[in-house]
All heavy atoms as atom14 arrays in JSON, in Angstrom:
{
  "sequence": "ASAMRWYRQAPGKQRELVATSSGGRTYYADSVKGRFTISRDNAKKTV",
  "atom14_mask": [
    [1, 1, 1, 1, 1, 0, 0, 0, 0, 0, 0, 0, 0, 0],
    [1, 1, 1, 1, 1, 1, 0, 0, 0, 0, 0, 0, 0, 0],
    [1, 1, 1, 1, 1, 0, 0, 0, 0, 0, 0, 0, 0, 0],
    [1, 1, 1, 1, 1, 1, 1, 1, 0, 0, 0, 0, 0, 0],
    [1, 1, 1, 1, 1, 1, 1, 1, 1, 1, 1, 0, 0, 0],
    [1, 1, 1, 1, 1, 1, 1, 1, 1, 1, 1, 1, 1, 1],
    [1, 1, 1, 1, 1, 1, 1, 1, 1, 1, 1, 1, 0, 0],
    [1, 1, 1, 1, 1, 1, 1, 1, 1, 1, 1, 0, 0, 0],
    [1, 1, 1, 1, 1, 1, 1, 1, 1, 0, 0, 0, 0, 0],
    [1, 1, 1, 1, 1, 0, 0, 0, 0, 0, 0, 0, 0, 0],
    [1, 1, 1, 1, 1, 1, 1, 0, 0, 0, 0, 0, 0, 0],
    [1, 1, 1, 1, 0, 0, 0, 0, 0, 0, 0, 0, 0, 0],
    [1, 1, 1, 1, 1, 1, 1, 1, 1, 0, 0, 0, 0, 0],
    [1, 1, 1, 1, 1, 1, 1, 1, 1, 0, 0, 0, 0, 0],
    [1, 1, 1, 1, 1, 1, 1, 1, 1, 1, 1, 0, 0, 0],
    [1, 1, 1, 1, 1, 1, 1, 1, 1, 0, 0, 0, 0, 0],
    [1, 1, 1, 1, 1, 1, 1, 1, 0, 0, 0, 0, 0, 0],
    [1, 1, 1, 1, 1, 1, 1, 0, 0, 0, 0, 0, 0, 0],
    [1, 1, 1, 1, 1, 0, 0, 0, 0, 0, 0, 0, 0, 0],
    [1, 1, 1, 1, 1, 1, 1, 0, 0, 0, 0, 0, 0, 0],
    [1, 1, 1, 1, 1, 1, 0, 0, 0, 0, 0, 0, 0, 0],
    [1, 1, 1, 1, 1, 1, 0, 0, 0, 0, 0, 0, 0, 0],
    [1, 1, 1, 1, 0, 0, 0, 0, 0, 0, 0, 0, 0, 0],
    [1, 1, 1, 1, 0, 0, 0, 0, 0, 0, 0, 0, 0, 0],
    [1, 1, 1, 1, 1, 1, 1, 1, 1, 1, 1, 0, 0, 0],
    [1, 1, 1, 1, 1, 1, 1, 0, 0, 0, 0, 0, 0, 0],
    [1, 1, 1, 1, 1, 1, 1, 1, 1, 1, 1, 1, 0, 0],
    [1, 1, 1, 1, 1, 1, 1, 1, 1, 1, 1, 1, 0, 0],
    [1, 1, 1, 1, 1, 0, 0, 0, 0, 0, 0, 0, 0, 0],
    [1, 1, 1, 1, 1, 1, 1, 1, 0, 0, 0, 0, 0, 0],
    [1, 1, 1, 1, 1, 1, 0, 0, 0, 0, 0, 0, 0, 0],
    [1, 1, 1, 1, 1, 1, 1, 0, 0, 0, 0, 0, 0, 0],
    [1, 1, 1, 1, 1, 1, 1, 1, 1, 0, 0, 0, 0, 0],
    [1, 1, 1, 1, 0, 0, 0, 0, 0, 0, 0, 0, 0, 0],
    [1, 1, 1, 1, 1, 1, 1, 1, 1, 1, 1, 0, 0, 0],
    [1, 1, 1, 1, 1, 1, 1, 1, 1, 1, 1, 0, 0, 0],
    [1, 1, 1, 1, 1, 1, 1, 0, 0, 0, 0, 0, 0, 0],
    [1, 1, 1, 1, 1, 1, 1, 1, 0, 0, 0, 0, 0, 0],
    [1, 1, 1, 1, 1, 1, 0, 0, 0, 0, 0, 0, 0, 0],
    [1, 1, 1, 1, 1, 1, 1, 1, 1, 1, 1, 0, 0, 0],
    [1, 1, 1, 1, 1, 1, 1, 1, 0, 0, 0, 0, 0, 0],
    [1, 1, 1, 1, 1, 1, 1, 1, 0, 0, 0, 0, 0, 0],
    [1, 1, 1, 1, 1, 0, 0, 0, 0, 0, 0, 0, 0, 0],
    [1, 1, 1, 1, 1, 1, 1, 1, 1, 0, 0, 0, 0, 0],
    [1, 1, 1, 1, 1, 1, 1, 1, 1, 0, 0, 0, 0, 0],
    [1, 1, 1, 1, 1, 1, 1, 0, 0, 0, 0, 0, 0, 0],
    [1, 1, 1, 1, 1, 1, 1, 0, 0, 0, 0, 0, 0, 0]
  ],
  "atom14_positions": [
    [[-28.25, 27.76, -31.15], [-29.67, 28.12, -31.19], [-30.56, 27.05, -30.56], [-31.79, 27.17, -30.58], [-30.1, 28.36, -32.63], [0.0, 0.0, 0.0], [0.0, 0.0, 0.0], [0.0, 0.0, 0.0], [0.0, 0.0, 0.0], [0.0, 0.0, 0.0], [0.0, 0.0, 0.0], [0.0, 0.0, 0.0], [0.0, 0.0, 0.0], [0.0, 0.0, 0.0]],
    [[-29.94, 26.03, -30.0], [-30.69, 24.91, -29.47], [-30.76, 24.95, -27.95], [-29.75, 25.23, -27.28], [-30.06, 23.59, -29.91], [-30.03, 23.47, -31.32], [0.0, 0.0, 0.0], [0.0, 0.0, 0.0], [0.0, 0.0, 0.0], [0.0, 0.0, 0.0], [0.0, 0.0, 0.0], [0.0, 0.0, 0.0], [0.0, 0.0, 0.0], [0.0, 0.0, 0.0]],
    [[-31.94, 24.64, -27.43], [-32.05, 24.39, -26.0], [-31.54, 22.99, -25.73], [-31.91, 22.04, -26.45], [-33.51, 24.5, -25.55], [0.0, 0.0, 0.0], [0.0, 0.0, 0.0], [0.0, 0.0, 0.0], [0.0, 0.0, 0.0], [0.0, 0.0, 0.0], [0.0, 0.0, 0.0], [0.0, 0.0, 0.0], [0.0, 0.0, 0.0], [0.0, 0.0, 0.0]],
    [[-30.69, 22.86, -24.75], [-30.1, 21.56, -24.42], [-30.59, 21.15, -23.05], [-30.6, 21.95, -22.1], [-28.58, 21.64, -24.43], [-27.99, 22.04, -25.77], [-28.41, 20.91, -27.11], [-27.63, 19.38, -26.53], [0.0, 0.0, 0.0], [0.0, 0.0, 0.0], [0.0, 0.0, 0.0], [0.0, 0.0, 0.0], [0.0, 0.0, 0.0], [0.0, 0.0, 0.0]],
    [[-30.99, 19.9, -22.93], [-31.56, 19.39, -21.69], [-30.99, 18.02, -21.34], [-30.56, 17.28, -22.22], [-33.08, 19.29, -21.8], [-33.78, 20.62, -22.02], [-35.29, 20.46, -22.07], [-35.97, 21.76, -22.1], [-36.28, 22.39, -23.22], [-36.0, 21.85, -24.4], [-36.89, 23.57, -23.17], [0.0, 0.0, 0.0], [0.0, 0.0, 0.0], [0.0, 0.0, 0.0]],
    [[-30.99, 17.75, -20.07], [-30.68, 16.41, -19.57], [-31.95, 15.86, -18.91], [-32.58, 16.55, -18.1], [-29.55, 16.43, -18.55], [-28.2, 16.65, -19.14], [-27.5, 17.82, -19.23], [-27.35, 15.64, -19.72], [-26.29, 17.62, -19.82], [-26.17, 16.29, -20.14], [-27.48, 14.27, -19.94], [-25.11, 15.6, -20.76], [-26.43, 13.61, -20.54], [-25.27, 14.26, -20.94]],
    [[-32.29, 14.64, -19.28], [-33.38, 13.9, -18.66], [-32.79, 12.65, -18.03], [-31.65, 12.25, -18.33], [-34.41, 13.47, -19.71], [-35.28, 14.55, -20.27], [-34.81, 15.44, -21.22], [-36.61, 14.68, -19.87], [-35.62, 16.43, -21.75], [-37.45, 15.66, -20.4], [-36.94, 16.53, -21.34], [-37.77, 17.5, -21.87], [0.0, 0.0, 0.0], [0.0, 0.0, 0.0]],
    [[-33.58, 12.01, -17.2], [-33.18, 10.71, -16.67], [-34.42, 9.83, -16.52], [-35.53, 10.31, -16.36], [-32.45, 10.85, -15.33], [-33.3, 11.34, -14.18], [-32.43, 11.55, -12.95], [-33.21, 12.02, -11.8], [-32.67, 12.41, -10.65], [-31.35, 12.38, -10.48], [-33.46, 12.83, -9.67], [0.0, 0.0, 0.0], [0.0, 0.0, 0.0], [0.0, 0.0, 0.0]],
    [[-34.15, 8.54, -16.57], [-35.23, 7.56, -16.41], [-34.72, 6.41, -15.56], [-33.79, 5.69, -15.96], [-35.73, 7.05, -17.76], [-36.96, 6.18, -17.65], [-37.63, 5.96, -18.99], [-37.04, 6.15, -20.04], [-38.9, 5.57, -18.95], [0.0, 0.0, 0.0], [0.0, 0.0, 0.0], [0.0, 0.0, 0.0], [0.0, 0.0, 0.0], [0.0, 0.0, 0.0]],
    [[-35.34, 6.26, -14.41], [-35.01, 5.16, -13.51], [-35.91, 3.97, -13.85], [-36.99, 4.14, -14.42], [-35.22, 5.59, -12.06], [0.0, 0.0, 0.0], [0.0, 0.0, 0.0], [0.0, 0.0, 0.0], [0.0, 0.0, 0.0], [0.0, 0.0, 0.0], [0.0, 0.0, 0.0], [0.0, 0.0, 0.0], [0.0, 0.0, 0.0], [0.0, 0.0, 0.0]],
    [[-35.49, 2.76, -13.49], [-36.29, 1.56, -13.79], [-37.71, 1.7, -13.22], [-37.89, 2.04, -12.06], [-35.52, 0.45, -13.1], [-34.13, 0.94, -13.05], [-34.22, 2.41, -12.85], [0.0, 0.0, 0.0], [0.0, 0.0, 0.0], [0.0, 0.0, 0.0], [0.0, 0.0, 0.0], [0.0, 0.0, 0.0], [0.0, 0.0, 0.0], [0.0, 0.0, 0.0]],
    [[-38.69, 1.44, -14.07], [-40.08, 1.48, -13.63], [-40.66, 2.86, -13.45], [-41.8, 3.0, -12.98], [0.0, 0.0, 0.0], [0.0, 0.0, 0.0], [0.0, 0.0, 0.0], [0.0, 0.0, 0.0], [0.0, 0.0, 0.0], [0.0, 0.0, 0.0], [0.0, 0.0, 0.0], [0.0, 0.0, 0.0], [0.0, 0.0, 0.0], [0.0, 0.0, 0.0]],
    [[-39.91, 3.89, -13.82], [-40.39, 5.27, -13.65], [-40.43, 6.0, -14.99], [-39.78, 5.59, -15.95], [-39.51, 6.03, -12.67], [-39.55, 5.48, -11.25], [-38.83, 6.38, -10.28], [-38.94, 5.89, -8.86], [-38.26, 6.79, -7.88], [0.0, 0.0, 0.0], [0.0, 0.0, 0.0], [0.0, 0.0, 0.0], [0.0, 0.0, 0.0], [0.0, 0.0, 0.0]],
    [[-41.17, 7.1, -15.01], [-41.21, 7.91, -16.22], [-39.94, 8.73, -16.37], [-39.26, 9.04, -15.39], [-42.43, 8.84, -16.16], [-43.77, 8.14, -16.33], [-44.91, 9.12, -16.47], [-44.89, 10.22, -15.93], [-45.94, 8.72, -17.21], [0.0, 0.0, 0.0], [0.0, 0.0, 0.0], [0.0, 0.0, 0.0], [0.0, 0.0, 0.0], [0.0, 0.0, 0.0]],
    [[-39.66, 9.09, -17.6], [-38.51, 9.95, -17.86], [-38.81, 11.33, -17.27], [-39.9, 11.86, -17.44], [-38.26, 10.06, -19.37], [-36.95, 10.69, -19.73], [-36.66, 10.56, -21.21], [-36.49, 9.17, -21.6], [-36.05, 8.79, -22.81], [-35.75, 9.69, -23.71], [-35.93, 7.51, -23.09], [0.0, 0.0, 0.0], [0.0, 0.0, 0.0], [0.0, 0.0, 0.0]],
    [[-37.81, 11.89, -16.58], [-38.01, 13.19, -15.95], [-36.94, 14.18, -16.38], [-35.78, 13.79, -16.59], [-38.02, 13.07, -14.42], [-36.74, 12.61, -13.8], [-36.7, 12.73, -12.29], [-37.54, 13.46, -11.71], [-35.82, 12.11, -11.67], [0.0, 0.0, 0.0], [0.0, 0.0, 0.0], [0.0, 0.0, 0.0], [0.0, 0.0, 0.0], [0.0, 0.0, 0.0]],
    [[-37.33, 15.44, -16.47], [-36.39, 16.49, -16.82], [-35.51, 16.82, -15.61], [-36.02, 17.04, -14.51], [-37.16, 17.74, -17.25], [-36.34, 18.98, -17.59], [-35.39, 18.71, -18.76], [-37.26, 20.14, -17.91], [0.0, 0.0, 0.0], [0.0, 0.0, 0.0], [0.0, 0.0, 0.0], [0.0, 0.0, 0.0], [0.0, 0.0, 0.0], [0.0, 0.0, 0.0]],
    [[-34.21, 16.87, -15.85], [-33.25, 17.14, -14.78], [-32.74, 18.57, -14.85], [-32.72, 19.27, -13.85], [-32.06, 16.15, -14.86], [-30.99, 16.52, -13.83], [-32.53, 14.73, -14.66], [0.0, 0.0, 0.0], [0.0, 0.0, 0.0], [0.0, 0.0, 0.0], [0.0, 0.0, 0.0], [0.0, 0.0, 0.0], [0.0, 0.0, 0.0], [0.0, 0.0, 0.0]],
    [[-32.31, 18.98, -16.04], [-31.71, 20.31, -16.17], [-31.84, 20.82, -17.6], [-31.87, 20.03, -18.54], [-30.24, 20.3, -15.76], [0.0, 0.0, 0.0], [0.0, 0.0, 0.0], [0.0, 0.0, 0.0], [0.0, 0.0, 0.0], [0.0, 0.0, 0.0], [0.0, 0.0, 0.0], [0.0, 0.0, 0.0], [0.0, 0.0, 0.0], [0.0, 0.0, 0.0]],
    [[-31.92, 22.15, -17.73], [-32.05, 22.81, -19.03], [-31.06, 23.95, -19.16], [-30.85, 24.7, -18.19], [-33.47, 23.38, -19.2], [-34.43, 22.33, -19.13], [-33.63, 24.11, -20.52], [0.0, 0.0, 0.0], [0.0, 0.0, 0.0], [0.0, 0.0, 0.0], [0.0, 0.0, 0.0], [0.0, 0.0, 0.0], [0.0, 0.0, 0.0], [0.0, 0.0, 0.0]],
    [[-30.49, 24.09, -20.36], [-29.67, 25.26, -20.7], [-30.28, 25.87, -21.95], [-30.29, 25.24, -23.01], [-28.23, 24.83, -20.97], [-27.5, 25.93, -21.5], [0.0, 0.0, 0.0], [0.0, 0.0, 0.0], [0.0, 0.0, 0.0], [0.0, 0.0, 0.0], [0.0, 0.0, 0.0], [0.0, 0.0, 0.0], [0.0, 0.0, 0.0], [0.0, 0.0, 0.0]],
    [[-30.79, 27.09, -21.81], [-31.48, 27.72, -22.93], [-31.43, 29.22, -22.8], [-31.73, 29.76, -21.72], [-32.93, 27.25, -22.99], [-33.64, 27.88, -24.04], [0.0, 0.0, 0.0], [0.0, 0.0, 0.0], [0.0, 0.0, 0.0], [0.0, 0.0, 0.0], [0.0, 0.0, 0.0], [0.0, 0.0, 0.0], [0.0, 0.0, 0.0], [0.0, 0.0, 0.0]],
    [[-31.08, 29.9, -23.88], [-31.09, 31.36, -23.87], [-30.22, 31.97, -22.8], [-30.55, 33.04, -22.27], [0.0, 0.0, 0.0], [0.0, 0.0, 0.0], [0.0, 0.0, 0.0], [0.0, 0.0, 0.0], [0.0, 0.0, 0.0], [0.0, 0.0, 0.0], [0.0, 0.0, 0.0], [0.0, 0.0, 0.0], [0.0, 0.0, 0.0], [0.0, 0.0, 0.0]],
    [[-29.13, 31.3, -22.49], [-28.23, 31.82, -21.46], [-28.66, 31.55, -20.04], [-28.02, 32.01, -19.1], [0.0, 0.0, 0.0], [0.0, 0.0, 0.0], [0.0, 0.0, 0.0], [0.0, 0.0, 0.0], [0.0, 0.0, 0.0], [0.0, 0.0, 0.0], [0.0, 0.0, 0.0], [0.0, 0.0, 0.0], [0.0, 0.0, 0.0], [0.0, 0.0, 0.0]],
    [[-29.75, 30.84, -19.89], [-30.25, 30.55, -18.56], [-30.23, 29.05, -18.3], [-30.21, 28.25, -19.24], [-31.68, 31.09, -18.38], [-31.77, 32.6, -18.53], [-33.16, 33.09, -18.24], [-33.25, 34.55, -18.3], [-34.34, 35.23, -18.01], [-35.44, 34.61, -17.61], [-34.33, 36.56, -18.1], [0.0, 0.0, 0.0], [0.0, 0.0, 0.0], [0.0, 0.0, 0.0]],
    [[-30.28, 28.7, -17.03], [-30.31, 27.3, -16.63], [-31.46, 27.06, -15.67], [-31.85, 27.96, -14.91], [-28.99, 26.87, -15.97], [-28.73, 27.7, -14.84], [-27.82, 26.99, -16.94], [0.0, 0.0, 0.0], [0.0, 0.0, 0.0], [0.0, 0.0, 0.0], [0.0, 0.0, 0.0], [0.0, 0.0, 0.0], [0.0, 0.0, 0.0], [0.0, 0.0, 0.0]],
    [[-31.99, 25.84, -15.72], [-33.11, 25.47, -14.87], [-32.86, 24.06, -14.38], [-32.28, 23.24, -15.08], [-34.43, 25.51, -15.67], [-34.69, 26.82, -16.36], [-34.21, 27.04, -17.66], [-35.38, 27.84, -15.74], [-34.44, 28.25, -18.3], [-35.61, 29.05, -16.37], [-35.14, 29.24, -17.65], [-35.36, 30.45, -18.28], [0.0, 0.0, 0.0], [0.0, 0.0, 0.0]],
    [[-33.31, 23.79, -13.16], [-33.06, 22.5, -12.54], [-34.31, 21.95, -11.87], [-35.14, 22.7, -11.36], [-31.96, 22.62, -11.48], [-30.65, 23.07, -12.03], [-30.28, 24.41, -12.03], [-29.75, 22.16, -12.59], [-29.08, 24.83, -12.56], [-28.54, 22.57, -13.12], [-28.22, 23.92, -13.1], [-27.01, 24.32, -13.63], [0.0, 0.0, 0.0], [0.0, 0.0, 0.0]],
    [[-34.41, 20.63, -11.88], [-35.43, 19.98, -11.08], [-35.1, 20.2, -9.61], [-33.93, 20.29, -9.22], [-35.46, 18.5, -11.39], [0.0, 0.0, 0.0], [0.0, 0.0, 0.0], [0.0, 0.0, 0.0], [0.0, 0.0, 0.0], [0.0, 0.0, 0.0], [0.0, 0.0, 0.0], [0.0, 0.0, 0.0], [0.0, 0.0, 0.0], [0.0, 0.0, 0.0]],
    [[-36.14, 20.3, -8.8], [-35.92, 20.54, -7.36], [-35.03, 19.47, -6.74], [-34.26, 19.75, -5.83], [-37.26, 20.59, -6.63], [-38.04, 21.87, -6.92], [-37.42, 22.85, -7.42], [-39.26, 21.88, -6.67], [0.0, 0.0, 0.0], [0.0, 0.0, 0.0], [0.0, 0.0, 0.0], [0.0, 0.0, 0.0], [0.0, 0.0, 0.0], [0.0, 0.0, 0.0]],
    [[-35.16, 18.25, -7.24], [-34.43, 17.13, -6.65], [-32.92, 17.21, -6.85], [-32.17, 16.52, -6.16], [-34.95, 15.81, -7.22], [-34.8, 15.79, -8.64], [0.0, 0.0, 0.0], [0.0, 0.0, 0.0], [0.0, 0.0, 0.0], [0.0, 0.0, 0.0], [0.0, 0.0, 0.0], [0.0, 0.0, 0.0], [0.0, 0.0, 0.0], [0.0, 0.0, 0.0]],
    [[-32.47, 18.05, -7.79], [-31.03, 18.13, -8.06], [-30.45, 19.52, -7.83], [-29.23, 19.7, -7.96], [-30.7, 17.67, -9.51], [-31.28, 16.29, -9.77], [-31.18, 18.68, -10.54], [0.0, 0.0, 0.0], [0.0, 0.0, 0.0], [0.0, 0.0, 0.0], [0.0, 0.0, 0.0], [0.0, 0.0, 0.0], [0.0, 0.0, 0.0], [0.0, 0.0, 0.0]],
    [[-31.28, 20.48, -7.49], [-30.8, 21.85, -7.26], [-29.72, 21.87, -6.19], [-29.85, 21.25, -5.13], [-31.95, 22.76, -6.82], [-32.75, 23.32, -7.96], [-33.85, 24.23, -7.46], [-34.74, 24.7, -8.6], [-35.88, 25.51, -8.12], [0.0, 0.0, 0.0], [0.0, 0.0, 0.0], [0.0, 0.0, 0.0], [0.0, 0.0, 0.0], [0.0, 0.0, 0.0]],
    [[-28.64, 22.59, -6.48], [-27.53, 22.7, -5.55], [-26.54, 21.55, -5.64], [-25.47, 21.62, -5.05], [0.0, 0.0, 0.0], [0.0, 0.0, 0.0], [0.0, 0.0, 0.0], [0.0, 0.0, 0.0], [0.0, 0.0, 0.0], [0.0, 0.0, 0.0], [0.0, 0.0, 0.0], [0.0, 0.0, 0.0], [0.0, 0.0, 0.0], [0.0, 0.0, 0.0]],
    [[-26.89, 20.51, -6.39], [-25.97, 19.36, -6.54], [-25.51, 19.18, -7.98], [-24.37, 18.76, -8.21], [-26.67, 18.07, -6.08], [-27.11, 18.09, -4.65], [-27.6, 16.72, -4.19], [-28.77, 16.25, -4.94], [-28.78, 15.12, -5.65], [-27.73, 14.33, -5.69], [-29.89, 14.76, -6.28], [0.0, 0.0, 0.0], [0.0, 0.0, 0.0], [0.0, 0.0, 0.0]],
    [[-26.38, 19.47, -8.94], [-26.05, 19.29, -10.36], [-25.87, 20.66, -11.02], [-26.55, 21.63, -10.67], [-27.18, 18.55, -11.08], [-27.32, 17.1, -10.72], [-26.68, 16.53, -9.64], [-28.15, 16.29, -11.49], [-26.83, 15.2, -9.32], [-28.32, 14.95, -11.17], [-27.66, 14.4, -10.09], [0.0, 0.0, 0.0], [0.0, 0.0, 0.0], [0.0, 0.0, 0.0]],
    [[-25.0, 20.7, -12.01], [-24.78, 21.92, -12.78], [-24.72, 21.57, -14.26], [-23.92, 20.72, -14.66], [-23.48, 22.62, -12.37], [-23.5, 22.91, -10.98], [-23.29, 23.91, -13.16], [0.0, 0.0, 0.0], [0.0, 0.0, 0.0], [0.0, 0.0, 0.0], [0.0, 0.0, 0.0], [0.0, 0.0, 0.0], [0.0, 0.0, 0.0], [0.0, 0.0, 0.0]],
    [[-25.57, 22.25, -15.05], [-25.51, 22.07, -16.49], [-24.7, 23.22, -17.09], [-24.8, 24.37, -16.65], [-26.94, 22.03, -17.1], [-26.88, 21.67, -18.6], [-27.69, 23.34, -16.89], [-28.25, 21.4, -19.21], [0.0, 0.0, 0.0], [0.0, 0.0, 0.0], [0.0, 0.0, 0.0], [0.0, 0.0, 0.0], [0.0, 0.0, 0.0], [0.0, 0.0, 0.0]],
    [[-23.85, 22.89, -18.06], [-23.07, 23.92, -18.73], [-22.88, 23.5, -20.18], [-23.13, 22.35, -20.54], [-21.71, 24.11, -18.05], [-20.95, 22.91, -18.08], [0.0, 0.0, 0.0], [0.0, 0.0, 0.0], [0.0, 0.0, 0.0], [0.0, 0.0, 0.0], [0.0, 0.0, 0.0], [0.0, 0.0, 0.0], [0.0, 0.0, 0.0], [0.0, 0.0, 0.0]],
    [[-22.45, 24.43, -20.99], [-22.27, 24.12, -22.4], [-21.05, 24.83, -22.95], [-20.7, 25.93, -22.52], [-23.52, 24.49, -23.21], [-23.91, 25.93, -23.14], [-25.36, 26.13, -23.59], [-25.56, 25.84, -25.01], [-26.77, 25.67, -25.55], [-27.86, 25.74, -24.81], [-26.87, 25.41, -26.85], [0.0, 0.0, 0.0], [0.0, 0.0, 0.0], [0.0, 0.0, 0.0]],
    [[-20.39, 24.18, -23.89], [-19.26, 24.75, -24.61], [-19.71, 24.84, -26.06], [-19.72, 23.82, -26.79], [-18.03, 23.86, -24.45], [-16.79, 24.45, -25.09], [-16.91, 25.22, -26.07], [-15.69, 24.13, -24.61], [0.0, 0.0, 0.0], [0.0, 0.0, 0.0], [0.0, 0.0, 0.0], [0.0, 0.0, 0.0], [0.0, 0.0, 0.0], [0.0, 0.0, 0.0]],
    [[-20.08, 26.04, -26.48], [-20.62, 26.2, -27.83], [-19.57, 25.93, -28.9], [-19.91, 25.46, -30.0], [-21.21, 27.6, -28.0], [-22.51, 27.79, -27.22], [-23.23, 26.83, -26.96], [-22.78, 29.02, -26.83], [0.0, 0.0, 0.0], [0.0, 0.0, 0.0], [0.0, 0.0, 0.0], [0.0, 0.0, 0.0], [0.0, 0.0, 0.0], [0.0, 0.0, 0.0]],
    [[-18.34, 26.19, -28.61], [-17.28, 25.94, -29.6], [-17.12, 24.44, -29.84], [-16.84, 24.02, -30.97], [-15.97, 26.54, -29.12], [0.0, 0.0, 0.0], [0.0, 0.0, 0.0], [0.0, 0.0, 0.0], [0.0, 0.0, 0.0], [0.0, 0.0, 0.0], [0.0, 0.0, 0.0], [0.0, 0.0, 0.0], [0.0, 0.0, 0.0], [0.0, 0.0, 0.0]],
    [[-17.32, 23.65, -28.79], [-17.19, 22.2, -28.93], [-18.54, 21.53, -29.19], [-18.6, 20.31, -29.33], [-16.57, 21.61, -27.65], [-15.14, 22.04, -27.41], [-14.59, 21.37, -26.16], [-13.13, 21.76, -25.94], [-12.58, 21.13, -24.7], [0.0, 0.0, 0.0], [0.0, 0.0, 0.0], [0.0, 0.0, 0.0], [0.0, 0.0, 0.0], [0.0, 0.0, 0.0]],
    [[-19.61, 22.32, -29.2], [-20.96, 21.77, -29.39], [-21.22, 20.65, -28.38], [-21.71, 19.56, -28.72], [-21.16, 21.26, -30.81], [-21.13, 22.36, -31.85], [-21.53, 21.82, -33.22], [-21.58, 22.93, -34.27], [-22.01, 22.42, -35.59], [0.0, 0.0, 0.0], [0.0, 0.0, 0.0], [0.0, 0.0, 0.0], [0.0, 0.0, 0.0], [0.0, 0.0, 0.0]],
    [[-20.89, 20.94, -27.15], [-21.01, 19.94, -26.09], [-21.71, 20.54, -24.89], [-21.43, 21.67, -24.5], [-19.62, 19.41, -25.69], [-19.0, 18.79, -26.84], [-19.73, 18.39, -24.58], [0.0, 0.0, 0.0], [0.0, 0.0, 0.0], [0.0, 0.0, 0.0], [0.0, 0.0, 0.0], [0.0, 0.0, 0.0], [0.0, 0.0, 0.0], [0.0, 0.0, 0.0]],
    [[-22.61, 19.75, -24.31], [-23.26, 20.14, -23.07], [-22.84, 19.15, -21.99], [-22.63, 17.96, -22.26], [-24.8, 20.18, -23.23], [-25.36, 18.82, -23.57], [-25.46, 20.75, -21.98], [0.0, 0.0, 0.0], [0.0, 0.0, 0.0], [0.0, 0.0, 0.0], [0.0, 0.0, 0.0], [0.0, 0.0, 0.0], [0.0, 0.0, 0.0], [0.0, 0.0, 0.0]]
  ]
}
């Protein structure tokens, strides 16, 4: 029932959203589209 997200923070920069997995859908920052993939294993409770 949880939305799972990955963020990143580079030195001297604000934390930014990278990818989201929620409600069976995925969303990506433009900077990582086509290169990064978010997935989840609900049985293992792992993203």
